[in-house]
Amino acid sequence: MNEWINNLQNWYDVFLQIFEYKIVQVIVAILVVFIGIRFIRRSIRSFFERTSFIEERKEKTLESMINSIVSYTATIGIIIYILSVYGVEVGSILAGAGVIGIILGFGAQSLIKDILSGIFFIYEKQLHKGDFVSINDKFIGTVEDIGLRFLKVRQWSGKLLTISNGQVTSIQNYNIDHMRVIEAITVSFTEDPKRIFTLLEETCEQLNEELDQYLKKDLTKKPIQPFQVYGMTSLNKDHRGYEYTIVGLTEDLVYWTAAKEARRMIAEKLFDSGVQMSLQHIDLPSPPSNEQNRVGGGD
């Protein structure tokens, strides 16, 4: 028994001797932080999986933001610890930064802007993880991650766009509660408006019957705004014909499916009814005849 205790004491002494090396302390600290981050992230994920007090998209957004905060905090903490292990007095440096602090402050303006923008995204509910958005009227895709500094959007082509939060000037979110399907139909001037109105009203009845599952409902399960003919929205659309518009309010998550199906059904109805759609044409002046050339030359 005494021998076992002596061996344990020897191993403990060896461990203390090894731990006196600064590099060992740093490595151990990094491992502890790494394991801690993994544990915290799994705990956060488990927590949100077991709760249902907020919408799933909001849960994923909060999870992404919390994970980002944990990562940044852990990184800053391990840097400070490493500096302290090697004898650097971090407190004195921070207290006596002076001019260096001012210079770093100007350099960190973009960083602060990115962090504040990321917080405002969440606080003001501008977007959530999984939303289909248009960023700065230029980039379109699905939000994959919202961090303290960067926003990641998966574009239609499959490319992953990473843009700093501070560079986001405008957001068009297609997944905020509801979306309105708006389809404009331009027909030839030769078509009878009364006939077109009748056909479009019949089409709306068919849309409401077959696409009822996509429509936004109120508490009584009735469509808030079913598909309907909004009216004639232009008497001379681009000098090509009469323009009519059909609208309908749908759930945001199924908007694209509802819009595609609505266009298909409208096109089939107009084609089966023999409606003449407007055709863009350009009138070009005909070249002068030989007789006109001779007359012009004589003058």
C-alpha atoms as a PDB file:
ATOM      1  CA  MET A   1       0.000   0.000   0.000  1.00  0.00           C
ATOM      2  CA  ASN A   2       2.811   2.373   0.938  1.00  0.00           C
ATOM      3  CA  GLU A   3       4.571   1.539  -2.302  1.00  0.00           C
ATOM      4  CA  TRP A   4       1.459   2.405  -4.303  1.00  0.00           C
ATOM      5  CA  ILE A   5       1.176   5.732  -2.487  1.00  0.00           C
ATOM      6  CA  ASN A   6       4.844   6.470  -3.157  1.00  0.00           C
ATOM      7  CA  ASN A   7       4.414   5.737  -6.857  1.00  0.00           C
ATOM      8  CA  LEU A   8       1.395   8.030  -6.991  1.00  0.00           C
ATOM      9  CA  GLN A   9       3.387  10.753  -5.252  1.00  0.00           C
ATOM     10  CA  ASN A  10       6.217  10.331  -7.742  1.00  0.00           C
ATOM     11  CA  TRP A  11       3.850  10.633 -10.676  1.00  0.00           C
ATOM     12  CA  TYR A  12       2.325  13.742  -9.120  1.00  0.00           C
ATOM     13  CA  ASP A  13       5.774  15.303  -8.699  1.00  0.00           C
ATOM     14  CA  VAL A  14       6.609  14.512 -12.318  1.00  0.00           C
ATOM     15  CA  PHE A  15       3.343  16.092 -13.432  1.00  0.00           C
ATOM     16  CA  LEU A  16       4.108  19.257 -11.468  1.00  0.00           C
ATOM     17  CA  GLN A  17       7.568  19.435 -13.007  1.00  0.00           C
ATOM     18  CA  ILE A  18       6.140  19.044 -16.503  1.00  0.00           C
ATOM     19  CA  PHE A  19       3.402  21.590 -15.865  1.00  0.00           C
ATOM     20  CA  GLU A  20       6.028  24.134 -14.895  1.00  0.00           C
ATOM     21  CA  TYR A  21       6.872  24.429 -18.588  1.00  0.00           C
ATOM     22  CA  LYS A  22       4.907  27.316 -20.045  1.00  0.00           C
ATOM     23  CA  ILE A  23       4.265  25.585 -23.352  1.00  0.00           C
ATOM     24  CA  VAL A  24       2.590  22.729 -21.480  1.00  0.00           C
ATOM     25  CA  GLN A  25       0.349  25.174 -19.621  1.00  0.00           C
ATOM     26  CA  VAL A  26      -0.641  26.786 -22.903  1.00  0.00           C
ATOM     27  CA  ILE A  27      -1.399  23.449 -24.563  1.00  0.00           C
ATOM     28  CA  VAL A  28      -3.482  22.286 -21.600  1.00  0.00           C
ATOM     29  CA  ALA A  29      -5.397  25.580 -21.575  1.00  0.00           C
ATOM     30  CA  ILE A  30      -6.136  25.328 -25.291  1.00  0.00           C
ATOM     31  CA  LEU A  31      -7.381  21.744 -24.888  1.00  0.00           C
ATOM     32  CA  VAL A  32      -9.588  22.731 -21.959  1.00  0.00           C
ATOM     33  CA  VAL A  33     -11.067  25.655 -23.901  1.00  0.00           C
ATOM     34  CA  PHE A  34     -11.627  23.488 -26.981  1.00  0.00           C
ATOM     35  CA  ILE A  35     -13.419  20.808 -24.978  1.00  0.00           C
ATOM     36  CA  GLY A  36     -15.390  23.477 -23.135  1.00  0.00           C
ATOM     37  CA  ILE A  37     -16.577  25.056 -26.407  1.00  0.00           C
ATOM     38  CA  ARG A  38     -17.676  21.679 -27.768  1.00  0.00           C
ATOM     39  CA  PHE A  39     -19.560  20.949 -24.546  1.00  0.00           C
ATOM     40  CA  ILE A  40     -21.276  24.354 -24.491  1.00  0.00           C
ATOM     41  CA  ARG A  41     -22.330  24.061 -28.148  1.00  0.00           C
ATOM     42  CA  ARG A  42     -23.777  20.604 -27.609  1.00  0.00           C
ATOM     43  CA  SER A  43     -25.602  21.828 -24.523  1.00  0.00           C
ATOM     44  CA  ILE A  44     -27.072  24.777 -26.448  1.00  0.00           C
ATOM     45  CA  ARG A  45     -28.170  22.512 -29.285  1.00  0.00           C
ATOM     46  CA  SER A  46     -29.724  20.038 -26.849  1.00  0.00           C
ATOM     47  CA  PHE A  47     -31.534  22.857 -25.061  1.00  0.00           C
ATOM     48  CA  PHE A  48     -33.146  24.231 -28.220  1.00  0.00           C
ATOM     49  CA  GLU A  49     -34.049  20.746 -29.445  1.00  0.00           C
ATOM     50  CA  ARG A  50     -35.997  20.099 -26.246  1.00  0.00           C
ATOM     51  CA  THR A  51     -37.780  23.450 -26.190  1.00  0.00           C
ATOM     52  CA  SER A  52     -40.575  24.773 -28.372  1.00  0.00           C
ATOM     53  CA  PHE A  53     -41.442  28.142 -26.840  1.00  0.00           C
ATOM     54  CA  ILE A  54     -40.231  30.030 -29.930  1.00  0.00           C
ATOM     55  CA  GLU A  55     -40.296  29.362 -33.665  1.00  0.00           C
ATOM     56  CA  GLU A  56     -37.735  26.881 -35.001  1.00  0.00           C
ATOM     57  CA  ARG A  57     -36.096  29.431 -37.321  1.00  0.00           C
ATOM     58  CA  LYS A  58     -35.642  31.843 -34.397  1.00  0.00           C
ATOM     59  CA  GLU A  59     -34.160  29.060 -32.289  1.00  0.00           C
ATOM     60  CA  LYS A  60     -31.586  28.295 -34.988  1.00  0.00           C
ATOM     61  CA  THR A  61     -30.763  31.988 -35.299  1.00  0.00           C
ATOM     62  CA  LEU A  62     -30.227  32.398 -31.551  1.00  0.00           C
ATOM     63  CA  GLU A  63     -28.158  29.210 -31.467  1.00  0.00           C
ATOM     64  CA  SER A  64     -25.931  30.523 -34.260  1.00  0.00           C
ATOM     65  CA  MET A  65     -25.452  33.880 -32.541  1.00  0.00           C
ATOM     66  CA  ILE A  66     -24.723  32.326 -29.110  1.00  0.00           C
ATOM     67  CA  ASN A  67     -22.177  29.966 -30.660  1.00  0.00           C
ATOM     68  CA  SER A  68     -20.483  32.929 -32.300  1.00  0.00           C
ATOM     69  CA  ILE A  69     -20.336  34.813 -28.984  1.00  0.00           C
ATOM     70  CA  VAL A  70     -18.902  31.749 -27.209  1.00  0.00           C
ATOM     71  CA  SER A  71     -16.205  31.328 -29.881  1.00  0.00           C
ATOM     72  CA  TYR A  72     -15.117  34.974 -29.775  1.00  0.00           C
ATOM     73  CA  THR A  73     -15.114  35.035 -25.953  1.00  0.00           C
ATOM     74  CA  ALA A  74     -13.071  31.850 -25.744  1.00  0.00           C
ATOM     75  CA  THR A  75     -10.551  33.107 -28.316  1.00  0.00           C
ATOM     76  CA  ILE A  76     -10.025  36.413 -26.522  1.00  0.00           C
ATOM     77  CA  GLY A  77      -9.794  34.638 -23.171  1.00  0.00           C
ATOM     78  CA  ILE A  78      -7.130  32.163 -24.314  1.00  0.00           C
ATOM     79  CA  ILE A  79      -5.065  34.975 -25.858  1.00  0.00           C
ATOM     80  CA  ILE A  80      -5.117  36.893 -22.569  1.00  0.00           C
ATOM     81  CA  TYR A  81      -4.171  33.732 -20.657  1.00  0.00           C
ATOM     82  CA  ILE A  82      -1.217  32.970 -22.955  1.00  0.00           C
ATOM     83  CA  LEU A  83       0.072  36.530 -22.560  1.00  0.00           C
ATOM     84  CA  SER A  84      -0.192  36.273 -18.776  1.00  0.00           C
ATOM     85  CA  VAL A  85       1.627  32.906 -18.752  1.00  0.00           C
ATOM     86  CA  TYR A  86       4.576  34.489 -20.540  1.00  0.00           C
ATOM     87  CA  GLY A  87       4.708  37.362 -18.070  1.00  0.00           C
ATOM     88  CA  VAL A  88       2.923  40.019 -20.073  1.00  0.00           C
ATOM     89  CA  GLU A  89       0.907  42.297 -17.797  1.00  0.00           C
ATOM     90  CA  VAL A  90      -2.267  42.603 -19.800  1.00  0.00           C
ATOM     91  CA  GLY A  91      -3.919  44.897 -17.248  1.00  0.00           C
ATOM     92  CA  SER A  92      -1.071  47.387 -17.417  1.00  0.00           C
ATOM     93  CA  ILE A  93      -1.130  47.360 -21.196  1.00  0.00           C
ATOM     94  CA  LEU A  94      -4.866  48.011 -21.275  1.00  0.00           C
ATOM     95  CA  ALA A  95      -4.646  50.722 -18.620  1.00  0.00           C
ATOM     96  CA  GLY A  96      -1.740  52.543 -20.222  1.00  0.00           C
ATOM     97  CA  ALA A  97      -2.687  52.115 -23.863  1.00  0.00           C
ATOM     98  CA  GLY A  98      -2.976  55.855 -24.453  1.00  0.00           C
ATOM     99  CA  VAL A  99      -2.304  56.781 -28.057  1.00  0.00           C
ATOM    100  CA  ILE A 100      -2.085  53.127 -29.090  1.00  0.00           C
ATOM    101  CA  GLY A 101      -5.591  52.588 -27.772  1.00  0.00           C
ATOM    102  CA  ILE A 102      -6.888  55.502 -29.804  1.00  0.00           C
ATOM    103  CA  ILE A 103      -5.214  54.167 -32.942  1.00  0.00           C
ATOM    104  CA  LEU A 104      -6.628  50.698 -32.335  1.00  0.00           C
ATOM    105  CA  GLY A 105     -10.013  52.267 -31.675  1.00  0.00           C
ATOM    106  CA  PHE A 106     -10.089  53.835 -35.120  1.00  0.00           C
ATOM    107  CA  GLY A 107      -8.948  50.563 -36.650  1.00  0.00           C
ATOM    108  CA  ALA A 108     -11.634  48.630 -34.774  1.00  0.00           C
ATOM    109  CA  GLN A 109     -14.492  50.808 -35.978  1.00  0.00           C
ATOM    110  CA  SER A 110     -15.420  48.333 -38.706  1.00  0.00           C
ATOM    111  CA  LEU A 111     -15.261  45.473 -36.196  1.00  0.00           C
ATOM    112  CA  ILE A 112     -17.593  47.279 -33.796  1.00  0.00           C
ATOM    113  CA  LYS A 113     -19.922  48.144 -36.672  1.00  0.00           C
ATOM    114  CA  ASP A 114     -20.074  44.490 -37.749  1.00  0.00           C
ATOM    115  CA  ILE A 115     -20.848  43.302 -34.208  1.00  0.00           C
ATOM    116  CA  LEU A 116     -23.564  45.910 -33.609  1.00  0.00           C
ATOM    117  CA  SER A 117     -25.148  45.154 -36.982  1.00  0.00           C
ATOM    118  CA  GLY A 118     -25.227  41.449 -36.152  1.00  0.00           C
ATOM    119  CA  ILE A 119     -26.950  42.167 -32.841  1.00  0.00           C
ATOM    120  CA  PHE A 120     -29.497  44.430 -34.535  1.00  0.00           C
ATOM    121  CA  PHE A 121     -30.287  41.702 -37.078  1.00  0.00           C
ATOM    122  CA  ILE A 122     -31.468  39.520 -34.210  1.00  0.00           C
ATOM    123  CA  TYR A 123     -33.039  42.201 -32.008  1.00  0.00           C
ATOM    124  CA  GLU A 124     -35.030  43.821 -34.825  1.00  0.00           C
ATOM    125  CA  LYS A 125     -35.954  40.421 -36.355  1.00  0.00           C
ATOM    126  CA  GLN A 126     -34.714  41.454 -39.787  1.00  0.00           C
ATOM    127  CA  LEU A 127     -33.784  37.903 -40.739  1.00  0.00           C
ATOM    128  CA  HIS A 128     -33.445  34.401 -39.366  1.00  0.00           C
ATOM    129  CA  LYS A 129     -31.424  31.353 -40.191  1.00  0.00           C
ATOM    130  CA  GLY A 130     -33.069  29.629 -43.155  1.00  0.00           C
ATOM    131  CA  ASP A 131     -34.720  32.768 -44.582  1.00  0.00           C
ATOM    132  CA  PHE A 132     -34.603  33.437 -48.315  1.00  0.00           C
ATOM    133  CA  VAL A 133     -33.262  36.985 -48.684  1.00  0.00           C
ATOM    134  CA  SER A 134     -31.902  39.543 -51.101  1.00  0.00           C
ATOM    135  CA  ILE A 135     -28.880  41.442 -49.751  1.00  0.00           C
ATOM    136  CA  ASN A 136     -28.108  44.950 -51.024  1.00  0.00           C
ATOM    137  CA  ASP A 137     -30.340  44.274 -54.078  1.00  0.00           C
ATOM    138  CA  LYS A 138     -27.449  42.183 -55.414  1.00  0.00           C
ATOM    139  CA  PHE A 139     -27.070  38.850 -53.633  1.00  0.00           C
ATOM    140  CA  ILE A 140     -29.958  36.401 -53.358  1.00  0.00           C
ATOM    141  CA  GLY A 141     -29.951  33.178 -51.383  1.00  0.00           C
ATOM    142  CA  THR A 142     -30.738  31.345 -48.145  1.00  0.00           C
ATOM    143  CA  VAL A 143     -29.268  32.470 -44.808  1.00  0.00           C
ATOM    144  CA  GLU A 144     -27.031  29.681 -43.502  1.00  0.00           C
ATOM    145  CA  ASP A 145     -25.355  31.389 -40.580  1.00  0.00           C
ATOM    146  CA  ILE A 146     -25.581  34.654 -38.618  1.00  0.00           C
ATOM    147  CA  GLY A 147     -22.497  35.492 -36.594  1.00  0.00           C
ATOM    148  CA  LEU A 148     -21.303  38.471 -34.629  1.00  0.00           C
ATOM    149  CA  ARG A 149     -19.260  39.674 -37.599  1.00  0.00           C
ATOM    150  CA  PHE A 150     -20.349  37.840 -40.727  1.00  0.00           C
ATOM    151  CA  LEU A 151     -23.509  36.807 -42.503  1.00  0.00           C
ATOM    152  CA  LYS A 152     -23.374  33.667 -44.654  1.00  0.00           C
ATOM    153  CA  VAL A 153     -25.832  33.267 -47.535  1.00  0.00           C
ATOM    154  CA  ARG A 154     -26.048  30.214 -49.793  1.00  0.00           C
ATOM    155  CA  GLN A 155     -26.805  31.475 -53.294  1.00  0.00           C
ATOM    156  CA  TRP A 156     -28.940  29.681 -55.883  1.00  0.00           C
ATOM    157  CA  SER A 157     -25.825  28.524 -57.760  1.00  0.00           C
ATOM    158  CA  GLY A 158     -24.570  26.823 -54.599  1.00  0.00           C
ATOM    159  CA  LYS A 159     -21.874  29.390 -53.817  1.00  0.00           C
ATOM    160  CA  LEU A 160     -21.602  30.459 -50.186  1.00  0.00           C
ATOM    161  CA  LEU A 161     -21.503  34.239 -49.828  1.00  0.00           C
ATOM    162  CA  THR A 162     -19.820  35.590 -46.692  1.00  0.00           C
ATOM    163  CA  ILE A 163     -20.406  39.286 -46.130  1.00  0.00           C
ATOM    164  CA  SER A 164     -19.557  41.370 -43.068  1.00  0.00           C
ATOM    165  CA  ASN A 165     -22.624  42.545 -41.168  1.00  0.00           C
ATOM    166  CA  GLY A 166     -21.566  46.179 -41.460  1.00  0.00           C
ATOM    167  CA  GLN A 167     -21.667  46.009 -45.269  1.00  0.00           C
ATOM    168  CA  VAL A 168     -25.337  45.041 -45.333  1.00  0.00           C
ATOM    169  CA  THR A 169     -27.281  48.162 -46.273  1.00  0.00           C
ATOM    170  CA  SER A 170     -30.600  46.638 -47.349  1.00  0.00           C
ATOM    171  CA  ILE A 171     -32.384  43.344 -46.766  1.00  0.00           C
ATOM    172  CA  GLN A 172     -35.368  41.997 -48.655  1.00  0.00           C
ATOM    173  CA  ASN A 173     -36.705  39.072 -46.639  1.00  0.00           C
ATOM    174  CA  TYR A 174     -39.095  36.677 -48.392  1.00  0.00           C
ATOM    175  CA  ASN A 175     -39.849  34.772 -45.167  1.00  0.00           C
ATOM    176  CA  ILE A 176     -41.510  37.227 -42.813  1.00  0.00           C
ATOM    177  CA  ASP A 177     -44.948  35.820 -41.917  1.00  0.00           C
ATOM    178  CA  HIS A 178     -46.511  35.977 -45.400  1.00  0.00           C
ATOM    179  CA  MET A 179     -45.918  36.756 -49.076  1.00  0.00           C
ATOM    180  CA  ARG A 180     -48.241  37.949 -51.808  1.00  0.00           C
ATOM    181  CA  VAL A 181     -48.320  36.231 -55.174  1.00  0.00           C
ATOM    182  CA  ILE A 182     -48.653  38.935 -57.837  1.00  0.00           C
ATOM    183  CA  GLU A 183     -49.010  37.788 -61.436  1.00  0.00           C
ATOM    184  CA  ALA A 184     -49.480  40.272 -64.275  1.00  0.00           C
ATOM    185  CA  ILE A 185     -50.996  39.103 -67.578  1.00  0.00           C
ATOM    186  CA  THR A 186     -50.746  41.262 -70.691  1.00  0.00           C
ATOM    187  CA  VAL A 187     -53.085  40.369 -73.556  1.00  0.00           C
ATOM    188  CA  SER A 188     -53.560  41.761 -77.037  1.00  0.00           C
ATOM    189  CA  PHE A 189     -55.668  44.870 -77.679  1.00  0.00           C
ATOM    190  CA  THR A 190     -57.919  42.667 -79.837  1.00  0.00           C
ATOM    191  CA  GLU A 191     -59.131  40.667 -76.810  1.00  0.00           C
ATOM    192  CA  ASP A 192     -62.512  41.561 -75.299  1.00  0.00           C
ATOM    193  CA  PRO A 193     -61.939  42.851 -71.719  1.00  0.00           C
ATOM    194  CA  LYS A 194     -65.234  41.323 -70.540  1.00  0.00           C
ATOM    195  CA  ARG A 195     -64.156  37.890 -71.770  1.00  0.00           C
ATOM    196  CA  ILE A 196     -60.722  38.204 -70.155  1.00  0.00           C
ATOM    197  CA  PHE A 197     -62.211  39.233 -66.803  1.00  0.00           C
ATOM    198  CA  THR A 198     -64.522  36.225 -66.885  1.00  0.00           C
ATOM    199  CA  LEU A 199     -61.670  33.835 -67.727  1.00  0.00           C
ATOM    200  CA  LEU A 200     -59.419  35.230 -65.009  1.00  0.00           C
ATOM    201  CA  GLU A 201     -62.188  35.013 -62.396  1.00  0.00           C
ATOM    202  CA  GLU A 202     -62.731  31.377 -63.334  1.00  0.00           C
ATOM    203  CA  THR A 203     -58.979  30.852 -63.055  1.00  0.00           C
ATOM    204  CA  CYS A 204     -58.956  32.365 -59.555  1.00  0.00           C
ATOM    205  CA  GLU A 205     -61.712  29.975 -58.470  1.00  0.00           C
ATOM    206  CA  GLN A 206     -59.568  27.083 -59.693  1.00  0.00           C
ATOM    207  CA  LEU A 207     -56.486  28.501 -57.929  1.00  0.00           C
ATOM    208  CA  ASN A 208     -58.336  28.844 -54.631  1.00  0.00           C
ATOM    209  CA  GLU A 209     -59.590  25.281 -54.911  1.00  0.00           C
ATOM    210  CA  GLU A 210     -56.308  23.576 -55.862  1.00  0.00           C
ATOM    211  CA  LEU A 211     -53.845  25.831 -54.002  1.00  0.00           C
ATOM    212  CA  ASP A 212     -55.865  26.283 -50.820  1.00  0.00           C
ATOM    213  CA  GLN A 213     -53.118  24.628 -48.747  1.00  0.00           C
ATOM    214  CA  TYR A 214     -50.697  27.445 -49.635  1.00  0.00           C
ATOM    215  CA  LEU A 215     -52.975  30.367 -48.760  1.00  0.00           C
ATOM    216  CA  LYS A 216     -52.453  32.386 -45.581  1.00  0.00           C
ATOM    217  CA  LYS A 217     -55.273  31.611 -43.138  1.00  0.00           C
ATOM    218  CA  ASP A 218     -56.758  33.501 -40.207  1.00  0.00           C
ATOM    219  CA  LEU A 219     -57.663  31.975 -36.831  1.00  0.00           C
ATOM    220  CA  THR A 220     -60.853  30.495 -38.310  1.00  0.00           C
ATOM    221  CA  LYS A 221     -58.845  28.755 -41.051  1.00  0.00           C
ATOM    222  CA  LYS A 222     -60.289  31.005 -43.754  1.00  0.00           C
ATOM    223  CA  PRO A 223     -57.976  32.542 -46.411  1.00  0.00           C
ATOM    224  CA  ILE A 224     -57.076  36.116 -45.530  1.00  0.00           C
ATOM    225  CA  GLN A 225     -56.779  37.082 -49.184  1.00  0.00           C
ATOM    226  CA  PRO A 226     -57.660  34.308 -51.636  1.00  0.00           C
ATOM    227  CA  PHE A 227     -56.607  34.503 -55.264  1.00  0.00           C
ATOM    228  CA  GLN A 228     -58.600  37.234 -56.993  1.00  0.00           C
ATOM    229  CA  VAL A 229     -58.506  39.506 -60.011  1.00  0.00           C
ATOM    230  CA  TYR A 230     -57.034  42.748 -58.741  1.00  0.00           C
ATOM    231  CA  GLY A 231     -58.174  44.485 -61.926  1.00  0.00           C
ATOM    232  CA  MET A 232     -56.857  45.983 -65.121  1.00  0.00           C
ATOM    233  CA  THR A 233     -53.589  47.559 -64.042  1.00  0.00           C
ATOM    234  CA  SER A 234     -52.603  49.114 -67.377  1.00  0.00           C
ATOM    235  CA  LEU A 235     -54.488  50.161 -70.507  1.00  0.00           C
ATOM    236  CA  ASN A 236     -51.362  50.160 -72.621  1.00  0.00           C
ATOM    237  CA  LYS A 237     -48.592  48.125 -71.015  1.00  0.00           C
ATOM    238  CA  ASP A 238     -45.375  49.052 -72.832  1.00  0.00           C
ATOM    239  CA  HIS A 239     -47.496  49.774 -75.931  1.00  0.00           C
ATOM    240  CA  ARG A 240     -48.277  46.071 -76.246  1.00  0.00           C
ATOM    241  CA  GLY A 241     -51.706  45.443 -74.750  1.00  0.00           C
ATOM    242  CA  TYR A 242     -54.010  45.410 -71.713  1.00  0.00           C
ATOM    243  CA  GLU A 243     -52.503  44.297 -68.420  1.00  0.00           C
ATOM    244  CA  TYR A 244     -54.508  42.405 -65.782  1.00  0.00           C
ATOM    245  CA  THR A 245     -53.221  41.365 -62.351  1.00  0.00           C
ATOM    246  CA  ILE A 246     -54.052  38.408 -60.103  1.00  0.00           C
ATOM    247  CA  VAL A 247     -53.058  38.491 -56.409  1.00  0.00           C
ATOM    248  CA  GLY A 248     -53.214  36.057 -53.509  1.00  0.00           C
ATOM    249  CA  LEU A 249     -51.728  35.984 -49.977  1.00  0.00           C
ATOM    250  CA  THR A 250     -49.714  32.851 -49.153  1.00  0.00           C
ATOM    251  CA  GLU A 251     -47.618  31.456 -46.328  1.00  0.00           C
ATOM    252  CA  ASP A 252     -44.043  32.675 -46.631  1.00  0.00           C
ATOM    253  CA  LEU A 253     -42.465  29.200 -46.560  1.00  0.00           C
ATOM    254  CA  VAL A 254     -44.470  27.970 -49.567  1.00  0.00           C
ATOM    255  CA  TYR A 255     -44.508  31.186 -51.583  1.00  0.00           C
ATOM    256  CA  TRP A 256     -42.248  29.953 -54.385  1.00  0.00           C
ATOM    257  CA  THR A 257     -44.233  26.758 -54.881  1.00  0.00           C
ATOM    258  CA  ALA A 258     -47.526  28.651 -54.836  1.00  0.00           C
ATOM    259  CA  ALA A 259     -46.237  31.230 -57.346  1.00  0.00           C
ATOM    260  CA  LYS A 260     -44.956  28.558 -59.750  1.00  0.00           C
ATOM    261  CA  GLU A 261     -48.190  26.576 -59.610  1.00  0.00           C
ATOM    262  CA  ALA A 262     -50.277  29.732 -60.048  1.00  0.00           C
ATOM    263  CA  ARG A 263     -48.337  30.740 -63.166  1.00  0.00           C
ATOM    264  CA  ARG A 264     -48.712  27.253 -64.634  1.00  0.00           C
ATOM    265  CA  MET A 265     -52.463  27.157 -64.085  1.00  0.00           C
ATOM    266  CA  ILE A 266     -52.990  30.683 -65.435  1.00  0.00           C
ATOM    267  CA  ALA A 267     -50.951  29.897 -68.566  1.00  0.00           C
ATOM    268  CA  GLU A 268     -52.893  26.660 -69.181  1.00  0.00           C
ATOM    269  CA  LYS A 269     -56.244  28.428 -68.793  1.00  0.00           C
ATOM    270  CA  LEU A 270     -55.334  31.216 -71.200  1.00  0.00           C
ATOM    271  CA  PHE A 271     -53.907  28.758 -73.746  1.00  0.00           C
ATOM    272  CA  ASP A 272     -56.924  26.446 -73.613  1.00  0.00           C
ATOM    273  CA  SER A 273     -59.208  29.465 -74.067  1.00  0.00           C
ATOM    274  CA  GLY A 274     -57.279  30.686 -77.102  1.00  0.00           C
ATOM    275  CA  VAL A 275     -56.402  34.047 -75.569  1.00  0.00           C
ATOM    276  CA  GLN A 276     -54.042  36.061 -77.752  1.00  0.00           C
ATOM    277  CA  MET A 277     -51.206  37.342 -75.614  1.00  0.00           C
ATOM    278  CA  SER A 278     -49.402  40.578 -76.386  1.00  0.00           C
ATOM    279  CA  LEU A 279     -46.357  40.313 -78.625  1.00  0.00           C
ATOM    280  CA  GLN A 280     -43.569  42.829 -78.618  1.00  0.00           C
ATOM    281  CA  HIS A 281     -42.832  44.092 -82.101  1.00  0.00           C
ATOM    282  CA  ILE A 282     -40.716  46.802 -83.662  1.00  0.00           C
ATOM    283  CA  ASP A 283     -41.864  48.717 -86.734  1.00  0.00           C
ATOM    284  CA  LEU A 284     -38.942  49.316 -89.063  1.00  0.00           C
ATOM    285  CA  PRO A 285     -39.266  51.757 -91.978  1.00  0.00           C
ATOM    286  CA  SER A 286     -39.208  49.958 -95.315  1.00  0.00           C
ATOM    287  CA  PRO A 287     -36.269  50.792 -97.623  1.00  0.00           C
ATOM    288  CA  PRO A 288     -37.056  53.249-100.428  1.00  0.00           C
ATOM    289  CA  SER A 289     -37.895  51.727-103.820  1.00  0.00           C
ATOM    290  CA  ASN A 290     -35.781  52.273-106.951  1.00  0.00           C
ATOM    291  CA  GLU A 291     -38.398  54.647-108.335  1.00  0.00           C
ATOM    292  CA  GLN A 292     -38.178  56.826-105.211  1.00  0.00           C
ATOM    293  CA  ASN A 293     -34.386  56.838-105.472  1.00  0.00           C
ATOM    294  CA  ARG A 294     -34.563  58.072-109.047  1.00  0.00           C
ATOM    295  CA  VAL A 295     -37.071  60.797-108.156  1.00  0.00           C
ATOM    296  CA  GLY A 296     -34.972  61.879-105.213  1.00  0.00           C
ATOM    297  CA  GLY A 297     -31.851  61.984-107.357  1.00  0.00           C
ATOM    298  CA  GLY A 298     -33.558  64.161-109.991  1.00  0.00           C
ATOM    299  CA  ASP A 299     -34.545  66.766-107.412  1.00  0.00           C
END
